[in-house]
Amino acid sequence: MKARSVDGAISRIVIVGGGTAGWLAACLIAARANPSAAAPISVTLIESPDIPTIGVGEGTWPTMRRTLEQIGIPEAEFLLACDASFKQGSRFDGWRTGEAGDRYFHPFVAPVDGEPCDVVAAWHQSEADRRFADVVSPQPRTCALDLAPRQRAMPDYAGALNYAYHLDAGKFAALLARHATDRLGVRHVRDHVISVGMAANGDIATVTMRATDAVEGDLFIDCTGHAALLIGEQYGVPFIDRSTELFNDRALAVQVPVAPGSPIASQTTATAHGAGWIWDIGLPTRRGVGCVYSSHHASDDQAAATLEAYLRGAMPTVDTGQLSFRRLAFRSGHRARFWERNCLAIGLSAGFLEPLEASAIVLIELSLEALLDGFPATREVMDIHADRFNTVFRYRWDRIVEFLKLHYVLSHREEPYWRDHREAGSIPPRLAELLRLWRHQPPSRADLPAIDEIFPAASYQYVLYGMGFAPPAEGAIRTGARDHVAARLRQVDQRARTLAASLPTNRAYLDALRDAGHQPVMEKTR
């Protein structure tokens, strides 16, 4: 094992835990490490063969394109190896009233340029009979046609529309593991951690395994999932429970094979039910479907019946009796601190909020970006970086809670689950304040002032007006740009028609990719 450098440089990175979080951490750190540094970084990942990964996180954000590009994985290789497809946003069915036609879209393409007050006013004055997202963005209509966001001739990770991916989480972790070990020089230790050795100053010094030698490190990254072996068990950093705001604590997940040539949806579809919602994610060979629910409002048997009813309606030819449902239990919440001394928690060890809007993987990406952009040169300055990280990410977790809660508090559904979500005591105070403010002005940058907001004002607009929130009345102050915004809105329809005529369907794109002879990288024999 490499000896500690004389100047105390942080160079030995030890990642405990694999899965998406661990292998993304290994790949990004190794890819961005400077081999010419006085103390070059080494990355060791320890993965227990006894602990399976959860493997149901199938939705990403557009940030994943930059992540994969930095890591050095070609887009075609990723798509094929991970049975992946394109994601261009989320569609919400039945969230407002549950009646026929109750539907809205949260696309990845922002509304047309203009001040929010002008955009919302122009929509309401001229197109109020149409859904907000349909008027201000071409993306809902391209998604309705199951179109891909790019043509194959485009450079990797470029698109005609902003996009992310749906993927097989198990295959994704396997691809990252191969890439990390074969191409980026990451050391992979397959063994079970049995103890943690502490230094005199209170830092973690080593982790000891069952069969292999102890591993020393300067910075330890906890990717041990809900077990939180280092941040929780070793350091005892408290877990902050957010279940009084976000009620869901169970999910039933199932994978349903699809016929060759069948359409592949361009969005995650989230369908509300009496005690939660159902995700539906299309991949080239299957659909991942899951019933998310609150155990205080529905029993496991009731949730299973709800999921079976959905499957019979959405996929009437499927024999639900041949499917295997996987039951998952979780608690929405996060650590009070994410970076404690020389230990940084990333992924489920840092926390988890219900799967609505797919925040889990993007938090991994953002955590790694923050670590690498503010990497501690020495132990002397690590606590400064840790304090900054904790401040930024506590802000981000709070904003995610508020944004997810927004989807529920605007509902007019009358089941007890939905009524409970509207109880004032369950609504974060800042969100309640913003809802009062938004009666008079649309969500804007003034409400979300951070440089890198995890959900920008546009996302709040899509949910707010998609759920039927009344647009504000004409204000006392005009910006003078409303006519220009109205002209831009008229161009949205033309843009949608152009895209519909030029983009292939998801199925055509991905089938052609396979037919062209691209093959996933085969797993090497270890």
Protein backbone atom coordinates (compact mmCIF):
# COMPACT_ATOMS: atom_id res chain seq x y z
CA MET A 1 0.00 0.00 0.00
CA LYS A 2 1.29 3.43 -0.94
CA ALA A 3 2.81 5.27 2.02
CA ARG A 4 1.37 8.56 3.17
CA SER A 5 3.14 11.49 1.52
CA VAL A 6 5.33 13.71 3.74
CA ASP A 7 3.22 16.82 3.13
CA GLY A 8 0.00 15.05 4.08
CA ALA A 9 -1.49 15.21 0.58
CA ILE A 10 -4.83 13.51 0.11
CA SER A 11 -3.97 10.85 -2.43
CA ARG A 12 -5.32 7.47 -1.25
CA ILE A 13 -9.05 7.35 -1.95
CA VAL A 14 -10.88 4.33 -0.54
CA ILE A 15 -14.46 3.71 -1.65
CA VAL A 16 -16.40 1.28 0.52
CA GLY A 17 -19.30 -0.17 -1.43
CA GLY A 18 -20.06 -0.70 -5.10
CA GLY A 19 -23.32 -0.26 -6.98
CA THR A 20 -24.06 2.87 -8.96
CA ALA A 21 -22.75 5.22 -6.26
CA GLY A 22 -19.47 3.40 -5.66
CA TRP A 23 -18.59 2.79 -9.28
CA LEU A 24 -19.57 6.28 -10.41
CA ALA A 25 -17.29 7.62 -7.67
CA ALA A 26 -14.44 5.36 -8.75
CA CYS A 27 -14.78 6.27 -12.42
CA LEU A 28 -15.10 10.02 -11.96
CA ILE A 29 -12.27 10.34 -9.45
CA ALA A 30 -9.92 8.18 -11.51
CA ALA A 31 -10.85 9.91 -14.77
CA ARG A 32 -10.18 13.37 -13.34
CA ALA A 33 -7.05 12.44 -11.36
CA ASN A 34 -3.86 14.18 -12.44
CA PRO A 35 -1.13 11.57 -13.04
CA SER A 36 1.52 14.31 -12.99
CA ALA A 37 0.69 15.45 -9.46
CA ALA A 38 3.40 15.26 -6.82
CA ALA A 39 1.23 12.74 -4.99
CA PRO A 40 -0.90 11.03 -7.68
CA ILE A 41 -4.28 9.77 -6.58
CA SER A 42 -4.95 6.07 -6.22
CA VAL A 43 -8.50 4.71 -6.05
CA THR A 44 -9.44 1.47 -4.29
CA LEU A 45 -13.02 0.20 -4.26
CA ILE A 46 -14.02 -2.45 -1.73
CA GLU A 47 -17.17 -4.34 -2.62
CA SER A 48 -18.74 -7.02 -0.46
CA PRO A 49 -19.71 -10.19 -2.35
CA ASP A 50 -22.35 -10.82 0.34
CA ILE A 51 -24.47 -7.70 -0.19
CA PRO A 52 -26.56 -7.33 -3.36
CA THR A 53 -27.22 -3.89 -4.77
CA ILE A 54 -30.79 -2.58 -4.82
CA GLY A 55 -30.64 -2.11 -8.58
CA VAL A 56 -34.00 -0.47 -9.30
CA GLY A 57 -32.86 3.13 -9.94
CA GLU A 58 -33.61 3.44 -13.65
CA GLY A 59 -34.04 7.19 -14.22
CA THR A 60 -31.31 9.80 -14.68
CA TRP A 61 -31.05 13.52 -15.35
CA PRO A 62 -29.39 15.27 -18.33
CA THR A 63 -26.32 15.66 -16.12
CA MET A 64 -25.55 12.00 -16.87
CA ARG A 65 -24.43 12.89 -20.39
CA ARG A 66 -21.62 15.08 -19.08
CA THR A 67 -20.75 12.47 -16.45
CA LEU A 68 -20.37 9.70 -19.01
CA GLU A 69 -18.38 11.96 -21.30
CA GLN A 70 -15.97 12.84 -18.49
CA ILE A 71 -15.57 9.18 -17.61
CA GLY A 72 -14.76 8.36 -21.23
CA ILE A 73 -17.55 5.92 -22.13
CA PRO A 74 -18.85 6.27 -25.71
CA GLU A 75 -22.59 6.86 -25.86
CA ALA A 76 -23.33 3.86 -28.10
CA GLU A 77 -21.41 1.56 -25.77
CA PHE A 78 -23.38 2.86 -22.79
CA LEU A 79 -26.76 2.52 -24.51
CA LEU A 80 -26.12 -1.06 -25.58
CA ALA A 81 -24.40 -2.30 -22.44
CA CYS A 82 -27.09 -0.90 -20.15
CA ASP A 83 -30.19 -1.74 -22.22
CA ALA A 84 -30.72 2.02 -22.03
CA SER A 85 -33.17 4.35 -23.72
CA PHE A 86 -33.70 8.10 -23.85
CA LYS A 87 -35.59 10.06 -21.20
CA GLN A 88 -36.89 13.55 -21.98
CA GLY A 89 -38.87 14.28 -18.83
CA SER A 90 -41.74 12.97 -16.73
CA ARG A 91 -45.47 12.70 -17.41
CA PHE A 92 -47.92 12.82 -14.52
CA ASP A 93 -51.25 11.06 -14.96
CA GLY A 94 -54.12 11.41 -12.47
CA TRP A 95 -52.34 13.64 -9.97
CA ARG A 96 -54.77 16.54 -9.97
CA THR A 97 -58.20 14.87 -9.85
CA GLY A 98 -57.75 11.33 -11.11
CA GLU A 99 -60.33 11.92 -13.83
CA ALA A 100 -59.94 11.06 -17.51
CA GLY A 101 -57.56 13.44 -19.26
CA ASP A 102 -55.86 14.50 -16.01
CA ARG A 103 -52.30 14.71 -17.32
CA TYR A 104 -49.35 17.10 -17.50
CA PHE A 105 -45.70 17.00 -18.50
CA HIS A 106 -42.45 18.10 -16.86
CA PRO A 107 -40.02 18.23 -19.81
CA PHE A 108 -36.26 18.72 -19.76
CA VAL A 109 -36.44 21.62 -22.23
CA ALA A 110 -37.08 24.91 -20.44
CA PRO A 111 -39.91 27.26 -21.47
CA VAL A 112 -39.24 29.85 -24.16
CA ASP A 113 -36.94 32.70 -23.21
CA GLY A 114 -38.53 35.52 -21.30
CA GLU A 115 -39.34 36.71 -17.83
CA PRO A 116 -41.58 34.16 -16.07
CA CYS A 117 -44.35 36.73 -15.57
CA ASP A 118 -44.41 37.38 -19.33
CA VAL A 119 -44.26 33.70 -20.31
CA VAL A 120 -47.09 32.73 -17.97
CA ALA A 121 -49.21 35.73 -18.94
CA ALA A 122 -48.73 35.09 -22.66
CA TRP A 123 -49.77 31.45 -22.21
CA HIS A 124 -52.80 32.32 -20.10
CA GLN A 125 -54.03 35.11 -22.36
CA SER A 126 -53.70 33.32 -25.69
CA GLU A 127 -53.52 29.54 -25.05
CA ALA A 128 -55.22 28.96 -21.70
CA ASP A 129 -57.20 26.05 -23.13
CA ARG A 130 -53.95 24.14 -23.71
CA ARG A 131 -51.58 22.72 -21.10
CA PHE A 132 -48.76 25.05 -20.04
CA ALA A 133 -45.91 22.70 -21.04
CA ASP A 134 -47.48 22.05 -24.46
CA VAL A 135 -47.50 25.77 -25.20
CA VAL A 136 -44.05 26.80 -23.93
CA SER A 137 -41.95 23.77 -25.03
CA PRO A 138 -41.94 21.46 -28.07
CA GLN A 139 -40.81 18.49 -26.01
CA PRO A 140 -44.18 17.15 -24.78
CA ARG A 141 -45.25 16.63 -28.39
CA THR A 142 -42.06 14.85 -29.43
CA CYS A 143 -42.51 12.60 -26.40
CA ALA A 144 -46.12 11.89 -27.37
CA LEU A 145 -44.71 10.45 -30.61
CA ASP A 146 -42.07 8.34 -28.78
CA LEU A 147 -39.30 10.21 -30.60
CA ALA A 148 -35.61 10.08 -29.80
CA PRO A 149 -33.99 13.43 -28.90
CA ARG A 150 -31.15 13.00 -31.40
CA GLN A 151 -30.12 11.54 -34.72
CA ARG A 152 -27.38 8.93 -34.94
CA ALA A 153 -25.12 11.19 -37.00
CA MET A 154 -24.86 13.68 -34.15
CA PRO A 155 -21.73 13.68 -31.96
CA ASP A 156 -21.91 11.68 -28.75
CA TYR A 157 -24.04 13.27 -26.05
CA ALA A 158 -25.40 16.01 -28.36
CA GLY A 159 -29.09 16.29 -29.13
CA ALA A 160 -31.80 18.32 -30.80
CA LEU A 161 -33.52 18.33 -27.39
CA ASN A 162 -32.25 18.10 -23.84
CA TYR A 163 -32.29 14.49 -22.64
CA ALA A 164 -31.21 11.94 -20.07
CA TYR A 165 -31.56 8.16 -19.95
CA HIS A 166 -33.54 5.25 -18.62
CA LEU A 167 -31.29 2.29 -17.87
CA ASP A 168 -30.87 -1.09 -16.25
CA ALA A 169 -29.19 -0.15 -12.96
CA GLY A 170 -27.48 -3.53 -12.51
CA LYS A 171 -26.00 -3.42 -16.00
CA PHE A 172 -24.95 0.19 -15.48
CA ALA A 173 -22.97 -0.67 -12.34
CA ALA A 174 -21.34 -3.59 -14.19
CA LEU A 175 -20.33 -1.33 -17.09
CA LEU A 176 -18.85 1.23 -14.71
CA ALA A 177 -16.95 -1.51 -12.87
CA ARG A 178 -15.42 -2.83 -16.09
CA HIS A 179 -14.50 0.65 -17.24
CA ALA A 180 -12.99 1.60 -13.88
CA THR A 181 -10.81 -1.50 -13.58
CA ASP A 182 -9.92 -2.08 -17.25
CA ARG A 183 -9.37 1.49 -18.42
CA LEU A 184 -8.94 3.78 -15.41
CA GLY A 185 -6.70 1.76 -13.11
CA VAL A 186 -9.07 1.41 -10.16
CA ARG A 187 -8.15 -1.34 -7.73
CA HIS A 188 -11.11 -3.59 -6.98
CA VAL A 189 -11.20 -5.58 -3.74
CA ARG A 190 -14.03 -8.09 -3.43
CA ASP A 191 -14.28 -8.69 0.30
CA HIS A 192 -16.48 -7.92 3.26
CA VAL A 193 -15.47 -5.11 5.64
CA ILE A 194 -15.51 -6.37 9.22
CA SER A 195 -13.97 -3.45 11.14
CA VAL A 196 -12.84 0.15 10.87
CA GLY A 197 -9.54 1.34 12.31
CA MET A 198 -9.38 4.85 13.69
CA ALA A 199 -6.42 7.25 13.86
CA ALA A 200 -5.55 9.13 17.03
CA ASN A 201 -7.09 12.33 15.64
CA GLY A 202 -10.48 10.68 15.08
CA ASP A 203 -10.09 10.10 11.36
CA ILE A 204 -10.66 6.73 9.72
CA ALA A 205 -7.26 5.18 9.11
CA THR A 206 -8.04 1.71 7.75
CA VAL A 207 -10.79 -0.71 6.90
CA THR A 208 -10.21 -4.38 7.64
CA MET A 209 -11.69 -7.14 5.52
CA ARG A 210 -12.55 -10.75 6.20
CA ALA A 211 -9.92 -12.30 3.91
CA THR A 212 -7.65 -9.62 2.47
CA ASP A 213 -5.21 -7.17 4.03
CA ALA A 214 -6.43 -3.98 5.65
CA VAL A 215 -6.65 -0.97 3.33
CA GLU A 216 -5.31 2.40 4.43
CA GLY A 217 -6.60 5.68 3.08
CA ASP A 218 -6.61 9.45 3.33
CA LEU A 219 -10.23 9.95 2.25
CA PHE A 220 -12.92 7.31 2.66
CA ILE A 221 -16.12 7.44 0.61
CA ASP A 222 -19.08 5.65 2.15
CA CYS A 223 -21.17 3.99 -0.57
CA THR A 224 -22.52 1.22 1.64
CA GLY A 225 -26.17 2.11 1.00
CA HIS A 226 -28.76 2.21 3.76
CA ALA A 227 -26.29 0.45 6.11
CA ALA A 228 -24.16 3.64 6.14
CA LEU A 229 -21.28 1.64 7.60
CA LEU A 230 -18.90 4.58 7.96
CA ILE A 231 -20.98 7.78 8.23
CA GLY A 232 -23.72 6.22 10.32
CA GLU A 233 -22.41 3.18 12.16
CA GLN A 234 -18.85 4.40 12.73
CA TYR A 235 -19.32 8.14 13.13
CA GLY A 236 -22.90 8.16 14.34
CA VAL A 237 -23.96 11.10 12.19
CA PRO A 238 -27.71 11.43 12.83
CA PHE A 239 -30.33 10.62 10.23
CA ILE A 240 -32.96 13.32 9.68
CA ASP A 241 -36.32 11.72 9.00
CA ARG A 242 -38.43 13.59 6.40
CA SER A 243 -41.37 11.15 6.43
CA THR A 244 -43.67 13.71 8.05
CA GLU A 245 -43.44 15.61 4.75
CA LEU A 246 -42.99 12.73 2.28
CA PHE A 247 -45.21 9.84 3.33
CA ASN A 248 -44.20 7.07 0.92
CA ASP A 249 -42.12 4.32 2.49
CA ARG A 250 -42.73 1.22 0.36
CA ALA A 251 -42.47 0.15 -3.27
CA LEU A 252 -43.34 -2.97 -5.25
CA ALA A 253 -41.16 -3.26 -8.36
CA VAL A 254 -41.54 -5.56 -11.34
CA GLN A 255 -39.85 -6.00 -14.70
CA VAL A 256 -42.12 -6.81 -17.64
CA PRO A 257 -40.63 -8.11 -20.94
CA VAL A 258 -41.78 -6.31 -24.08
CA ALA A 259 -42.20 -7.57 -27.63
CA PRO A 260 -39.53 -6.73 -30.22
CA GLY A 261 -40.45 -3.65 -32.18
CA SER A 262 -42.82 -2.28 -29.54
CA PRO A 263 -42.74 1.49 -28.87
CA ILE A 264 -40.36 2.84 -26.22
CA ALA A 265 -41.68 5.78 -24.24
CA SER A 266 -39.66 8.99 -24.16
CA GLN A 267 -40.53 9.82 -20.55
CA THR A 268 -41.03 8.33 -17.15
CA THR A 269 -44.77 8.03 -16.61
CA ALA A 270 -45.95 8.55 -13.03
CA THR A 271 -49.58 7.52 -12.49
CA ALA A 272 -51.25 8.52 -9.23
CA HIS A 273 -53.33 6.03 -7.24
CA GLY A 274 -55.25 6.24 -3.97
CA ALA A 275 -52.21 5.91 -1.71
CA GLY A 276 -49.23 6.86 -3.88
CA TRP A 277 -48.17 6.53 -7.50
CA ILE A 278 -46.83 4.06 -10.09
CA TRP A 279 -43.70 4.53 -12.18
CA ASP A 280 -43.50 3.11 -15.70
CA ILE A 281 -40.14 3.19 -17.48
CA GLY A 282 -39.57 1.83 -20.97
CA LEU A 283 -36.33 0.08 -21.96
CA PRO A 284 -35.62 -1.71 -25.26
CA THR A 285 -36.29 -5.18 -23.83
CA ARG A 286 -38.60 -4.53 -20.87
CA ARG A 287 -40.59 -2.05 -18.89
CA GLY A 288 -39.73 -1.33 -15.28
CA VAL A 289 -42.89 -0.69 -13.29
CA GLY A 290 -43.26 0.04 -9.60
CA CYS A 291 -45.99 0.93 -7.15
CA VAL A 292 -44.85 3.52 -4.60
CA TYR A 293 -47.08 3.85 -1.55
CA SER A 294 -47.45 4.82 2.08
CA SER A 295 -47.79 1.87 4.44
CA HIS A 296 -49.91 4.10 6.69
CA HIS A 297 -52.47 4.47 3.91
CA ALA A 298 -52.36 1.09 2.12
CA SER A 299 -51.41 -2.47 3.02
CA ASP A 300 -48.92 -4.51 1.00
CA ASP A 301 -51.79 -6.57 -0.40
CA GLN A 302 -53.67 -3.46 -1.47
CA ALA A 303 -50.53 -2.12 -3.18
CA ALA A 304 -50.05 -5.43 -5.00
CA ALA A 305 -53.66 -5.31 -6.21
CA THR A 306 -53.16 -1.72 -7.39
CA LEU A 307 -50.03 -2.69 -9.31
CA GLU A 308 -51.71 -5.72 -10.88
CA ALA A 309 -54.65 -3.58 -11.99
CA TYR A 310 -52.28 -1.08 -13.58
CA LEU A 311 -50.40 -3.81 -15.43
CA ARG A 312 -53.62 -5.32 -16.75
CA GLY A 313 -54.68 -1.92 -18.06
CA ALA A 314 -51.32 -0.82 -19.48
CA MET A 315 -50.20 -4.23 -20.80
CA PRO A 316 -53.33 -6.36 -21.24
CA THR A 317 -51.50 -9.28 -22.88
CA VAL A 318 -49.15 -9.76 -19.89
CA ASP A 319 -49.86 -12.63 -17.50
CA THR A 320 -49.35 -10.95 -14.13
CA GLY A 321 -49.33 -14.34 -12.43
CA GLN A 322 -45.97 -15.07 -14.08
CA LEU A 323 -44.36 -11.88 -12.80
CA SER A 324 -42.29 -11.56 -9.64
CA PHE A 325 -42.87 -8.47 -7.50
CA ARG A 326 -39.96 -7.19 -5.45
CA ARG A 327 -40.92 -5.41 -2.22
CA LEU A 328 -38.73 -2.53 -1.05
CA ALA A 329 -38.94 -0.58 2.20
CA PHE A 330 -37.34 2.82 2.63
CA ARG A 331 -37.48 5.92 4.78
CA SER A 332 -37.29 9.38 3.25
CA GLY A 333 -34.54 11.36 4.91
CA HIS A 334 -30.87 12.21 4.94
CA ARG A 335 -27.87 12.60 7.20
CA ALA A 336 -27.45 15.72 9.31
CA ARG A 337 -23.96 15.95 7.78
CA PHE A 338 -22.65 14.20 4.69
CA TRP A 339 -18.91 14.81 5.14
CA GLU A 340 -17.57 13.98 8.60
CA ARG A 341 -13.83 14.33 9.16
CA ASN A 342 -12.22 12.23 6.36
CA CYS A 343 -15.41 10.36 5.45
CA LEU A 344 -17.82 11.45 2.71
CA ALA A 345 -21.17 9.69 2.27
CA ILE A 346 -22.48 9.42 -1.30
CA GLY A 347 -25.62 7.66 -2.50
CA LEU A 348 -28.02 5.90 -0.16
CA SER A 349 -25.60 6.23 2.77
CA ALA A 350 -26.14 10.00 2.54
CA GLY A 351 -29.90 9.61 2.32
CA PHE A 352 -32.83 8.81 0.12
CA LEU A 353 -36.03 10.58 -0.81
CA GLU A 354 -38.82 8.73 -2.52
CA PRO A 355 -38.19 8.02 -6.24
CA LEU A 356 -40.41 10.79 -7.61
CA GLU A 357 -38.40 12.95 -10.07
CA ALA A 358 -35.39 10.57 -9.92
CA SER A 359 -33.18 12.59 -7.57
CA ALA A 360 -31.04 9.66 -6.31
CA ILE A 361 -28.49 9.31 -9.12
CA VAL A 362 -28.18 13.04 -9.77
CA LEU A 363 -27.29 13.59 -6.10
CA ILE A 364 -24.45 11.10 -6.57
CA GLU A 365 -23.23 13.05 -9.60
CA LEU A 366 -23.51 16.42 -7.87
CA SER A 367 -21.75 15.14 -4.76
CA LEU A 368 -18.82 13.88 -6.81
CA GLU A 369 -18.67 17.08 -8.83
CA ALA A 370 -18.54 19.11 -5.61
CA LEU A 371 -15.81 16.85 -4.20
CA LEU A 372 -13.65 17.07 -7.30
CA ASP A 373 -14.15 20.79 -7.90
CA GLY A 374 -13.18 21.49 -4.29
CA PHE A 375 -10.80 18.61 -3.68
CA PRO A 376 -8.88 18.91 -0.39
CA ALA A 377 -5.18 19.18 -1.11
CA THR A 378 -4.21 18.21 2.44
CA ARG A 379 -5.84 17.04 5.66
CA GLU A 380 -5.26 20.51 7.08
CA VAL A 381 -7.90 22.04 4.81
CA MET A 382 -10.29 19.09 4.59
CA ASP A 383 -12.61 20.34 7.32
CA ILE A 384 -13.08 23.62 5.42
CA HIS A 385 -14.16 21.70 2.34
CA ALA A 386 -16.38 19.48 4.46
CA ASP A 387 -18.19 22.44 6.02
CA ARG A 388 -18.80 23.98 2.60
CA PHE A 389 -20.04 20.67 1.20
CA ASN A 390 -22.41 20.11 4.11
CA THR A 391 -23.89 23.60 3.75
CA VAL A 392 -24.50 23.22 0.01
CA PHE A 393 -25.98 19.74 0.24
CA ARG A 394 -28.23 20.43 3.19
CA TYR A 395 -29.65 23.25 1.06
CA ARG A 396 -30.09 20.85 -1.87
CA TRP A 397 -31.81 18.13 0.14
CA ASP A 398 -34.22 20.70 1.61
CA ARG A 399 -35.06 22.01 -1.87
CA ILE A 400 -35.73 18.48 -3.16
CA VAL A 401 -38.12 17.81 -0.28
CA GLU A 402 -39.99 21.00 -1.11
CA PHE A 403 -40.17 20.25 -4.83
CA LEU A 404 -41.43 16.71 -4.32
CA LYS A 405 -44.00 17.91 -1.80
CA LEU A 406 -45.25 20.45 -4.34
CA HIS A 407 -46.57 17.58 -6.49
CA TYR A 408 -48.83 16.43 -3.64
CA VAL A 409 -50.09 19.63 -2.04
CA LEU A 410 -51.66 20.88 -5.27
CA SER A 411 -53.79 17.76 -5.77
CA HIS A 412 -57.58 17.86 -5.48
CA ARG A 413 -57.89 14.11 -4.98
CA GLU A 414 -60.01 13.20 -1.97
CA GLU A 415 -58.51 9.92 -0.75
CA PRO A 416 -57.12 10.18 2.83
CA TYR A 417 -53.54 9.92 1.54
CA TRP A 418 -53.95 12.98 -0.64
CA ARG A 419 -55.89 14.94 1.97
CA ASP A 420 -53.16 14.25 4.52
CA HIS A 421 -50.58 15.66 2.11
CA ARG A 422 -52.50 18.95 2.10
CA GLU A 423 -52.50 19.26 5.89
CA ALA A 424 -50.60 22.42 6.80
CA GLY A 425 -48.42 20.63 9.35
CA SER A 426 -46.92 18.39 6.66
CA ILE A 427 -45.95 21.24 4.30
CA PRO A 428 -42.42 22.67 4.69
CA PRO A 429 -42.71 26.29 5.88
CA ARG A 430 -40.67 27.67 3.00
CA LEU A 431 -42.88 25.91 0.45
CA ALA A 432 -46.02 27.21 2.16
CA GLU A 433 -44.59 30.72 1.96
CA LEU A 434 -43.75 30.33 -1.73
CA LEU A 435 -47.23 29.05 -2.53
CA ARG A 436 -48.67 32.23 -1.02
CA LEU A 437 -46.24 34.31 -3.07
CA TRP A 438 -46.97 32.42 -6.31
CA ARG A 439 -50.61 33.49 -6.18
CA HIS A 440 -49.26 36.88 -7.26
CA GLN A 441 -46.18 36.06 -9.35
CA PRO A 442 -44.78 32.94 -11.07
CA PRO A 443 -41.80 30.99 -9.72
CA SER A 444 -38.61 32.79 -10.72
CA ARG A 445 -34.89 32.97 -9.98
CA ALA A 446 -35.69 35.26 -7.06
CA ASP A 447 -37.34 32.30 -5.32
CA LEU A 448 -34.45 29.93 -6.08
CA PRO A 449 -31.34 32.08 -5.82
CA ALA A 450 -28.52 29.51 -5.70
CA ILE A 451 -26.20 29.40 -8.69
CA ASP A 452 -26.81 25.69 -9.24
CA GLU A 453 -30.37 25.05 -8.09
CA ILE A 454 -31.16 21.36 -8.23
CA PHE A 455 -34.64 22.20 -9.59
CA PRO A 456 -34.79 25.56 -11.41
CA ALA A 457 -37.77 27.88 -11.47
CA ALA A 458 -38.90 26.33 -14.77
CA SER A 459 -39.46 22.98 -13.07
CA TYR A 460 -41.69 24.61 -10.47
CA GLN A 461 -43.64 26.33 -13.25
CA TYR A 462 -44.25 23.04 -15.07
CA VAL A 463 -45.59 21.36 -11.92
CA LEU A 464 -47.48 24.37 -10.60
CA TYR A 465 -49.43 25.10 -13.77
CA GLY A 466 -49.60 21.48 -14.83
CA MET A 467 -51.50 20.82 -11.59
CA GLY A 468 -53.94 23.64 -12.34
CA PHE A 469 -52.59 26.34 -10.03
CA ALA A 470 -54.19 29.64 -11.02
CA PRO A 471 -51.83 31.99 -12.90
CA PRO A 472 -51.40 35.38 -11.24
CA ALA A 473 -53.55 38.29 -12.29
CA GLU A 474 -52.11 41.17 -14.29
CA GLY A 475 -49.51 42.90 -12.13
CA ALA A 476 -48.92 46.59 -11.53
CA ILE A 477 -45.53 46.44 -13.27
CA ARG A 478 -44.88 45.38 -16.87
CA THR A 479 -41.50 44.40 -18.31
CA GLY A 480 -42.28 45.60 -21.82
CA ALA A 481 -41.24 42.30 -23.40
CA ARG A 482 -44.58 40.46 -23.49
CA ASP A 483 -45.08 40.85 -27.24
CA HIS A 484 -41.69 39.23 -27.89
CA VAL A 485 -42.64 36.30 -25.67
CA ALA A 486 -45.92 35.82 -27.50
CA ALA A 487 -44.00 35.63 -30.77
CA ARG A 488 -41.70 32.98 -29.30
CA LEU A 489 -44.69 30.94 -28.20
CA ARG A 490 -45.97 30.94 -31.76
CA GLN A 491 -42.65 29.45 -32.87
CA VAL A 492 -42.97 26.48 -30.50
CA ASP A 493 -45.53 24.72 -32.68
CA GLN A 494 -43.32 25.10 -35.75
CA ARG A 495 -40.36 23.76 -33.83
CA ALA A 496 -42.40 20.75 -32.73
CA ARG A 497 -43.45 20.02 -36.33
CA THR A 498 -39.84 20.26 -37.53
CA LEU A 499 -38.66 17.86 -34.85
CA ALA A 500 -41.46 15.41 -35.59
CA ALA A 501 -40.40 15.33 -39.24
CA SER A 502 -36.68 14.89 -38.57
CA LEU A 503 -36.23 12.69 -35.49
CA PRO A 504 -36.47 8.88 -35.44
CA THR A 505 -38.50 7.02 -32.88
CA ASN A 506 -36.70 5.64 -29.86
CA ARG A 507 -37.29 2.11 -31.13
CA ALA A 508 -35.93 2.87 -34.61
CA TYR A 509 -32.86 4.61 -33.17
CA LEU A 510 -31.94 1.87 -30.71
CA ASP A 511 -32.70 -1.03 -33.06
CA ALA A 512 -30.55 0.57 -35.77
CA LEU A 513 -27.75 0.99 -33.23
CA ARG A 514 -27.78 -2.74 -32.56
CA ASP A 515 -28.13 -3.66 -36.22
CA ALA A 516 -25.08 -1.54 -37.07
CA GLY A 517 -22.92 -4.09 -35.31
CA HIS A 518 -22.13 -2.25 -32.09
CA GLN A 519 -21.75 -4.74 -29.27
CA PRO A 520 -21.56 -4.13 -25.53
CA VAL A 521 -18.11 -4.53 -24.02
CA MET A 522 -17.87 -8.07 -22.67
CA GLU A 523 -17.10 -8.54 -19.02
CA LYS A 524 -13.51 -9.64 -18.62
CA THR A 525 -12.69 -12.82 -16.76
CA ARG A 526 -11.30 -12.16 -13.36
